[in-house]
Each structure stands twice: as structure tokens, then as C-alpha cells.
Protein backbone atom coordinates (compact mmCIF):
# COMPACT_ATOMS: atom_id res chain seq x y z
CA MET A 1 0.00 0.00 0.00
CA LYS A 2 3.02 2.34 0.34
CA ASN A 3 2.96 3.37 -3.32
CA THR A 4 -0.81 3.10 -3.72
CA ALA A 5 -2.79 6.34 -3.62
CA ILE A 6 -6.20 4.85 -4.45
CA LYS A 7 -7.44 1.28 -4.11
CA VAL A 8 -10.91 0.27 -5.26
CA LYS A 9 -12.26 -3.25 -4.74
CA GLY A 10 -15.65 -4.66 -5.75
CA LEU A 11 -17.30 -1.25 -5.88
CA GLN A 12 -21.08 -1.36 -6.38
CA LYS A 13 -23.69 1.37 -6.64
CA SER A 14 -27.33 1.43 -7.71
CA TYR A 15 -29.83 4.23 -8.24
CA LYS A 16 -33.23 2.70 -7.47
CA ASP A 17 -33.46 -0.27 -9.88
CA LEU A 18 -30.51 0.77 -12.05
CA GLN A 19 -27.16 -0.80 -11.10
CA VAL A 20 -24.52 1.67 -12.25
CA LEU A 21 -21.41 0.01 -10.78
CA LYS A 22 -21.25 -3.78 -10.82
CA GLY A 23 -18.00 -4.57 -9.02
CA VAL A 24 -15.29 -2.11 -10.03
CA ASP A 25 -11.62 -2.85 -9.18
CA PHE A 26 -8.53 -0.74 -9.81
CA GLU A 27 -5.46 0.78 -8.13
CA VAL A 28 -3.71 4.10 -8.72
CA GLU A 29 -0.03 4.58 -7.94
CA LYS A 30 1.17 7.72 -6.16
CA GLY A 31 2.36 10.47 -8.47
CA SER A 32 0.80 8.88 -11.57
CA ILE A 33 -1.92 9.94 -14.00
CA PHE A 34 -4.76 7.39 -14.09
CA ALA A 35 -7.45 7.73 -16.75
CA LEU A 36 -10.90 6.23 -16.27
CA LEU A 37 -12.11 5.99 -19.85
CA GLY A 38 -15.72 5.36 -20.81
CA SER A 39 -18.73 6.64 -22.69
CA ASN A 40 -21.49 8.74 -21.13
CA GLY A 41 -23.43 6.70 -18.59
CA ALA A 42 -20.61 4.21 -17.98
CA GLY A 43 -20.40 5.18 -14.30
CA LYS A 44 -17.26 7.34 -14.30
CA THR A 45 -18.72 10.24 -12.32
CA THR A 46 -20.29 7.82 -9.82
CA VAL A 47 -16.84 6.34 -9.13
CA VAL A 48 -15.40 9.83 -8.60
CA LYS A 49 -18.26 10.82 -6.26
CA ILE A 50 -17.65 7.73 -4.11
CA LEU A 51 -13.88 8.33 -3.99
CA THR A 52 -14.40 11.99 -3.03
CA THR A 53 -16.89 11.06 -0.25
CA LEU A 54 -19.92 12.61 -2.01
CA LEU A 55 -21.64 9.22 -2.33
CA LYS A 56 -21.55 6.02 -0.30
CA PRO A 57 -21.20 2.71 -2.17
CA ASP A 58 -23.71 -0.09 -1.82
CA GLY A 59 -20.88 -2.62 -1.73
CA GLY A 60 -17.14 -2.97 -2.00
CA THR A 61 -14.42 -0.69 -0.65
CA ALA A 62 -12.67 2.49 -1.77
CA ALA A 63 -9.48 3.58 -0.02
CA VAL A 64 -7.95 7.00 -0.71
CA SER A 65 -4.55 7.89 0.80
CA GLY A 66 -4.97 4.82 3.01
CA PHE A 67 -8.34 5.98 4.40
CA ASP A 68 -11.72 4.37 3.74
CA ALA A 69 -13.86 6.82 1.76
CA ALA A 70 -17.09 5.65 3.40
CA SER A 71 -16.05 5.40 7.07
CA GLN A 72 -13.24 8.03 7.18
CA PRO A 73 -14.50 10.84 4.93
CA ASP A 74 -12.89 13.68 6.91
CA GLN A 75 -9.41 12.17 6.58
CA VAL A 76 -9.94 11.56 2.86
CA ARG A 77 -11.08 15.15 2.25
CA GLN A 78 -7.92 16.53 3.84
CA THR A 79 -5.79 14.85 1.16
CA ILE A 80 -7.83 15.42 -2.01
CA SER A 81 -9.29 18.02 -4.32
CA LEU A 82 -12.04 17.70 -6.93
CA THR A 83 -12.54 19.58 -10.18
CA GLY A 84 -15.95 18.75 -11.67
CA GLN A 85 -17.17 18.81 -15.24
CA PHE A 86 -18.19 22.46 -14.99
CA ALA A 87 -15.92 25.22 -13.69
CA ALA A 88 -16.83 26.03 -10.07
CA VAL A 89 -15.60 29.62 -10.09
CA ASP A 90 -17.33 32.81 -8.91
CA GLU A 91 -17.72 34.86 -12.09
CA ILE A 92 -18.38 38.12 -10.23
CA LEU A 93 -15.00 37.95 -8.50
CA THR A 94 -11.57 38.27 -10.09
CA ALA A 95 -9.21 35.30 -10.32
CA ARG A 96 -7.16 36.68 -7.45
CA GLU A 97 -10.27 37.15 -5.27
CA ASN A 98 -11.40 33.57 -6.03
CA LEU A 99 -8.04 32.16 -4.95
CA VAL A 100 -7.75 34.33 -1.83
CA MET A 101 -11.27 33.28 -0.79
CA ILE A 102 -10.47 29.55 -1.07
CA ALA A 103 -7.14 30.02 0.74
CA LYS A 104 -8.95 31.74 3.61
CA LEU A 105 -11.59 28.98 3.73
CA ARG A 106 -8.72 26.47 4.07
CA TYR A 107 -7.24 28.60 6.88
CA LEU A 108 -3.93 28.99 5.07
CA LYS A 109 -1.34 31.54 6.10
CA ASN A 110 -0.65 34.40 3.66
CA PRO A 111 -3.65 33.79 1.35
CA ARG A 112 -2.55 36.59 -1.01
CA GLN A 113 0.86 34.96 -1.47
CA VAL A 114 -0.84 31.61 -2.12
CA ALA A 115 -3.00 33.32 -4.76
CA ASP A 116 -0.03 35.06 -6.40
CA ASP A 117 1.95 31.81 -6.60
CA LEU A 118 -0.92 29.94 -8.24
CA LEU A 119 -1.72 32.78 -10.64
CA GLN A 120 1.86 32.66 -11.85
CA ARG A 121 1.96 28.87 -12.02
CA PHE A 122 -1.19 28.70 -14.15
CA GLY A 123 -0.35 31.64 -16.41
CA LEU A 124 -3.09 33.94 -15.11
CA THR A 125 -1.04 36.80 -13.62
CA ASP A 126 -1.87 39.26 -16.42
CA ALA A 127 -5.61 38.58 -16.04
CA ALA A 128 -5.54 38.25 -12.23
CA ASP A 129 -7.63 41.35 -11.53
CA ARG A 130 -10.21 40.87 -14.27
CA ARG A 131 -13.64 39.50 -13.47
CA VAL A 132 -13.85 35.80 -14.30
CA SER A 133 -16.98 36.52 -16.37
CA THR A 134 -14.62 37.97 -19.03
CA TYR A 135 -12.49 34.78 -19.21
CA SER A 136 -12.41 32.28 -22.06
CA GLY A 137 -13.35 28.65 -21.40
CA GLY A 138 -9.71 27.62 -21.23
CA MET A 139 -8.84 30.37 -18.74
CA ARG A 140 -11.77 29.42 -16.51
CA ARG A 141 -10.67 25.80 -16.53
CA ARG A 142 -7.10 26.82 -15.65
CA LEU A 143 -8.44 28.89 -12.75
CA ASP A 144 -10.69 26.02 -11.69
CA ILE A 145 -7.70 23.66 -11.49
CA ALA A 146 -5.68 26.36 -9.71
CA LEU A 147 -8.44 26.59 -7.09
CA SER A 148 -8.19 22.83 -6.66
CA MET A 149 -4.47 23.16 -5.92
CA VAL A 150 -4.94 25.55 -2.98
CA GLY A 151 -3.54 23.74 0.05
CA LYS A 152 -1.41 21.38 -2.10
CA PRO A 153 -3.63 18.24 -2.09
CA GLN A 154 -1.93 14.88 -2.54
CA ILE A 155 -4.58 13.66 -4.98
CA ILE A 156 -6.63 15.63 -7.50
CA PHE A 157 -9.73 14.28 -9.24
CA LEU A 158 -10.54 15.78 -12.64
CA ASP A 159 -13.99 14.78 -13.91
CA GLU A 160 -13.93 15.24 -17.70
CA PRO A 161 -11.67 18.30 -17.44
CA THR A 162 -11.68 19.26 -21.14
CA THR A 163 -15.35 18.76 -22.04
CA GLY A 164 -16.56 21.73 -24.08
CA LEU A 165 -13.10 23.25 -24.56
CA ASP A 166 -11.63 24.21 -27.94
CA PRO A 167 -8.49 22.35 -29.16
CA GLU A 168 -6.04 25.01 -27.95
CA ALA A 169 -7.59 25.15 -24.45
CA ARG A 170 -7.63 21.34 -24.30
CA ILE A 171 -3.89 21.16 -25.01
CA GLU A 172 -3.34 23.81 -22.30
CA VAL A 173 -5.16 21.65 -19.75
CA TRP A 174 -3.17 18.57 -20.83
CA LYS A 175 0.06 20.47 -20.17
CA ILE A 176 -1.14 21.46 -16.68
CA VAL A 177 -2.12 17.86 -15.83
CA LYS A 178 1.32 16.59 -16.88
CA GLU A 179 2.99 19.28 -14.76
CA LEU A 180 0.89 18.32 -11.71
CA ALA A 181 1.99 14.69 -11.95
CA ALA A 182 5.61 15.71 -12.56
CA GLY A 183 5.41 17.65 -9.28
CA GLY A 184 4.29 14.54 -7.37
CA THR A 185 0.51 15.04 -7.39
CA THR A 186 -1.57 11.94 -8.09
CA VAL A 187 -4.15 12.63 -10.81
CA LEU A 188 -7.28 10.59 -11.49
CA LEU A 189 -9.17 11.89 -14.49
CA THR A 190 -12.28 10.67 -16.20
CA THR A 191 -12.67 11.16 -19.92
CA GLN A 192 -14.60 9.99 -22.93
CA TYR A 193 -11.89 11.22 -25.30
CA LEU A 194 -9.56 8.45 -26.48
CA GLU A 195 -6.78 10.85 -27.45
CA GLU A 196 -6.91 12.46 -24.00
CA ALA A 197 -6.26 9.16 -22.24
CA GLU A 198 -3.57 8.32 -24.82
CA GLN A 199 -1.79 11.67 -24.34
CA LEU A 200 -1.90 11.82 -20.55
CA ALA A 201 -2.30 8.54 -18.73
CA ASP A 202 0.36 6.32 -17.20
CA LYS A 203 -2.40 3.75 -16.81
CA ILE A 204 -5.85 3.49 -18.39
CA ALA A 205 -8.94 1.61 -17.18
CA ILE A 206 -11.89 1.20 -19.54
CA LEU A 207 -15.22 1.33 -17.71
CA HIS A 208 -18.13 -0.17 -19.64
CA GLU A 209 -21.63 -0.86 -18.33
CA GLY A 210 -20.49 -0.65 -14.72
CA ARG A 211 -17.41 -2.85 -14.97
CA ILE A 212 -13.71 -2.41 -15.77
CA ILE A 213 -13.33 -4.45 -18.94
CA ALA A 214 -9.63 -3.70 -19.54
CA SER A 215 -6.83 -1.88 -17.75
CA GLY A 216 -3.12 -1.28 -18.09
CA THR A 217 -0.63 1.00 -19.78
CA LEU A 218 -1.27 2.06 -23.36
CA GLN A 219 1.32 -0.49 -24.54
CA GLU A 220 -0.31 -3.25 -22.48
CA LEU A 221 -3.72 -2.44 -23.93
CA LYS A 222 -2.31 -2.47 -27.46
CA LYS A 223 -0.98 -6.01 -26.88
CA MET A 224 -4.55 -7.21 -26.25
CA PHE A 225 -5.36 -6.71 -29.92
CA PRO A 226 -4.09 -8.75 -32.89
CA THR A 227 -0.85 -7.61 -34.51
CA THR A 228 -1.60 -4.94 -37.06
CA LYS A 229 -0.85 -5.50 -40.72
CA VAL A 230 2.34 -3.65 -41.65
CA GLU A 231 2.16 -1.45 -44.74
CA TYR A 232 4.77 1.05 -45.82
CA VAL A 233 3.09 4.35 -46.47
CA GLU A 234 4.16 7.95 -46.30
CA LYS A 235 3.52 9.24 -42.77
CA GLN A 236 1.15 12.17 -42.72
CA PRO A 237 1.24 14.68 -39.84
CA SER A 238 -1.55 14.28 -37.30
CA LEU A 239 -4.12 17.03 -36.82
CA GLU A 240 -2.53 17.81 -33.45
CA GLU A 241 0.91 18.26 -35.05
CA ILE A 242 -0.56 20.55 -37.72
CA PHE A 243 -2.47 22.56 -35.12
CA LEU A 244 0.56 23.02 -32.87
CA ALA A 245 2.76 24.00 -35.82
CA ILE A 246 0.29 26.65 -36.95
CA ILE A 247 -0.20 28.04 -33.44
CA GLY A 248 3.56 28.07 -32.89
CA LYS A 249 4.16 30.05 -36.07
CA ARG A 250 1.46 32.54 -35.17
CA GLU A 251 2.92 33.08 -31.69
CA ALA A 252 6.38 33.59 -33.15
CA VAL A 253 5.18 36.42 -35.40
């Protein structure tokens, strides 16, 4: 358990007559990025709600930072942060005011310094004193994740963090997620985007109809399929490569 940040065993959850989770098992290593991949309705958000103490399971266990999410919710909450599908920011306030408010609610010393550090880290210093209502979707999401980092949680849960974002904002969020893990933060993200899991995750679990049907690294998952037929063709650049090249040129002008 020393290197395990999250351990889920036999997790079950029903809403009335609908069984959403039918015995989910997985483990997340400390400091890694774990992607829970699945279509809408697969049960991804339900798993996150149980792990973040917002829901109690009907069966099975969920341990976060060594604490049971159902019986030790206070201890779990002290080690985690949650960023939901929709940015939970106060649009009337500025970015700085949002961060200072959360730092004060967490009883941190020097809340203004905490805010300044996070504004710089997430590239929001220039827009720090603008109302959040004037922000783009990507800027709001960056601020939302910055708010989640107040107090330096050990584990951050990102529930479909790039839903509704344009390609440039999505790549921005990917960069932030990679930086969080590089700094030692454990990241569990849910996504329905295949390329997102491929770009970010150290380990991927595919949740389908309430069960994990496959899990492992990208290379391990690829081995589960038959060897591809080899054909020698001219490699074309991917859309992401084209997009980044164009953006890079524009920024250099």
C-alpha cells in the first residue's frame, strides 16, 4: 500500500433499480496519472463521487490515501481536491479574489501569497484582476484547477476536465495535468476522449456498463489486440501536429 494512492475493490452502486457500478476494481499509484475511460453513462462520475466522499457505495471498498472513503470521509477530504465537469468559479469575482477566498476557507497563512503563486503557475497573472466573467473557457478551466491546488492536495480528481473546450484550451489543460503529476501530485481523471487518455495517462482503465473491462498501460492495452498489418506508407502529420505547428508560427510572429 506504500505506493498506492487509491485502491478500489468490488465497488457497487445502484440508483433505485438501475445498477450503475457492478464490481469495479482498480489501483492508482502515487504520483501517476490514471485515466478512467468510458462513454457517457458508464459510471465514471459515480466512481469519482464515491472516492471523493460525495456518495456512499452499496458494496465494495474504496481507499484514498490509506483511508476508507465511506467510514473516514474527513481524513480523505484533507488529502484530495475535486474539479468537476463544470468550472466552479465565482464569475463576479476576479481570479485573485477567487483564490484568496479559497485560501482563507482552508485557513492557510498568507492567502494573497498563495494566490499570487498559483496565478503565476497557471499563467493567469496578467488577467488576475479581471472578473472571471470575461475569461475564455480555457482560462476558466485553468483557474478552476488552480483553485483545486490551494492547500497542495496529494490527490486531485478531474472529472472530464476538457469537455466543451476548444483544441487550444484542451492542449493547455493537458500540459497542466502533466505538470501536476511531474510535481508529485496523483491525478485521477475521467474522460470519454480516447486521445486524452492516450496523451496523458500512465495507466488506463476502460469502464463499460459498470465494470472495468480492460486496464493497463497504453502499450499493455495495445498487446490485447491482434498484430496490425504492416504497410509502408508515407507518414502524414496528425491534426494535433498541424495545429501546434500553426499556433507556434502565429505566436512567433
